[in-house]
Protein backbone atom coordinates (compact mmCIF):
# COMPACT_ATOMS: atom_id res chain seq x y z
CA MET A 1 -19.18 -86.08 74.49
CA MET A 2 -20.55 -82.77 75.76
CA THR A 3 -22.62 -80.43 73.61
CA THR A 4 -21.61 -76.87 72.79
CA THR A 5 -24.29 -75.65 75.19
CA GLU A 6 -22.96 -77.79 78.04
CA LEU A 7 -19.41 -76.64 77.35
CA ALA A 8 -20.58 -73.01 77.30
CA GLN A 9 -22.30 -73.44 80.66
CA VAL A 10 -19.08 -74.78 82.14
CA LEU A 11 -17.08 -71.88 80.65
CA PHE A 12 -19.69 -69.42 81.92
CA ALA A 13 -19.05 -70.77 85.43
CA THR A 14 -15.34 -69.91 85.28
CA ALA A 15 -13.71 -66.64 86.32
CA LEU A 16 -12.67 -65.93 82.73
CA GLN A 17 -14.02 -62.75 81.18
CA PRO A 18 -15.07 -61.88 77.64
CA SER A 19 -12.39 -59.16 77.67
CA ASP A 20 -9.64 -61.75 78.25
CA ARG A 21 -7.66 -62.64 75.15
CA LEU A 22 -7.77 -66.40 75.34
CA SER A 23 -6.40 -69.07 73.08
CA PRO A 24 -8.47 -72.16 72.28
CA TYR A 25 -6.10 -74.11 74.54
CA GLN A 26 -6.75 -71.74 77.47
CA ILE A 27 -10.51 -72.03 76.97
CA ARG A 28 -10.39 -75.84 76.86
CA ALA A 29 -8.12 -75.93 79.91
CA ALA A 30 -10.46 -73.63 81.87
CA VAL A 31 -13.45 -75.78 80.92
CA ASP A 32 -11.62 -78.95 81.99
CA GLU A 33 -10.55 -77.36 85.30
CA ARG A 34 -14.02 -76.07 86.12
CA LEU A 35 -15.69 -79.32 85.16
CA CYS A 36 -13.29 -81.16 87.43
CA ALA A 37 -14.12 -78.71 90.25
CA CYS A 38 -17.79 -79.58 89.69
CA GLY A 39 -17.05 -83.25 90.19
CA GLY A 40 -17.30 -83.90 86.46
CA ASP A 41 -21.00 -83.06 86.56
CA PRO A 42 -21.99 -80.40 83.99
CA ASP A 43 -25.37 -80.07 85.73
CA ARG A 44 -23.62 -78.46 88.70
CA CYS A 45 -22.23 -75.80 86.36
CA ALA A 46 -25.67 -75.38 84.78
CA ALA A 47 -27.13 -74.71 88.22
CA TYR A 48 -24.59 -71.93 88.74
CA VAL A 49 -25.50 -70.47 85.33
CA ALA A 50 -29.19 -70.49 86.24
CA GLN A 51 -28.46 -68.71 89.50
CA GLU A 52 -26.37 -66.08 87.74
CA ALA A 53 -29.10 -65.58 85.12
CA GLY A 54 -31.57 -64.87 87.90
CA ASP A 55 -29.22 -62.69 89.93
CA HIS A 56 -27.75 -60.74 87.00
CA PRO A 57 -30.09 -60.89 84.01
CA GLU A 58 -28.58 -57.71 82.60
CA THR A 59 -25.22 -59.41 81.98
CA TYR A 60 -26.33 -63.00 81.46
CA VAL A 61 -27.09 -62.78 77.73
CA VAL A 62 -23.80 -61.10 76.83
CA ARG A 63 -21.75 -63.56 78.90
CA MET A 64 -23.58 -66.61 77.58
CA ARG A 65 -23.18 -65.43 73.97
CA TRP A 66 -19.46 -65.01 74.63
CA ALA A 67 -19.25 -68.48 76.21
CA LEU A 68 -21.10 -70.09 73.29
CA ASP A 69 -18.88 -68.37 70.72
CA ALA A 70 -15.71 -69.11 72.68
CA VAL A 71 -16.34 -72.84 73.03
CA ALA A 72 -17.52 -73.13 69.42
CA GLY A 73 -14.19 -71.67 68.33
CA ALA A 74 -12.09 -73.56 70.86
CA TYR A 75 -13.58 -76.97 70.18
CA ALA A 76 -14.20 -76.72 66.41
CA PRO A 77 -10.57 -77.45 65.44
CA ALA A 78 -10.52 -80.46 67.78
CA ALA A 79 -13.61 -81.88 66.07
CA ALA A 80 -12.22 -81.41 62.56
C-alpha cells in the first residue's frame, strides 16, 4: 500500500489543478491513471516532482500542499 506522500507525488504529476473541483473518485482515478503511465513505479512520479520543485520552486509548495490534502481526503474514506 502506498503512503499519503507517495500518492500526493503521483497526483502532483498529473495535469489536475488545485482550482479543479474534484471528487474523491476523480482524484483516485487520476492517481491510478498516472501511476499506470509511470509503469506502476511511484519513484518515476517522484522524479518528476523533484524536477518541478527545482524548476518552479515558487509554485511547488502550494501544489504539493494541495496534493497532500487532496489525497488525504480522497483516500481517507476508503481506509475507514
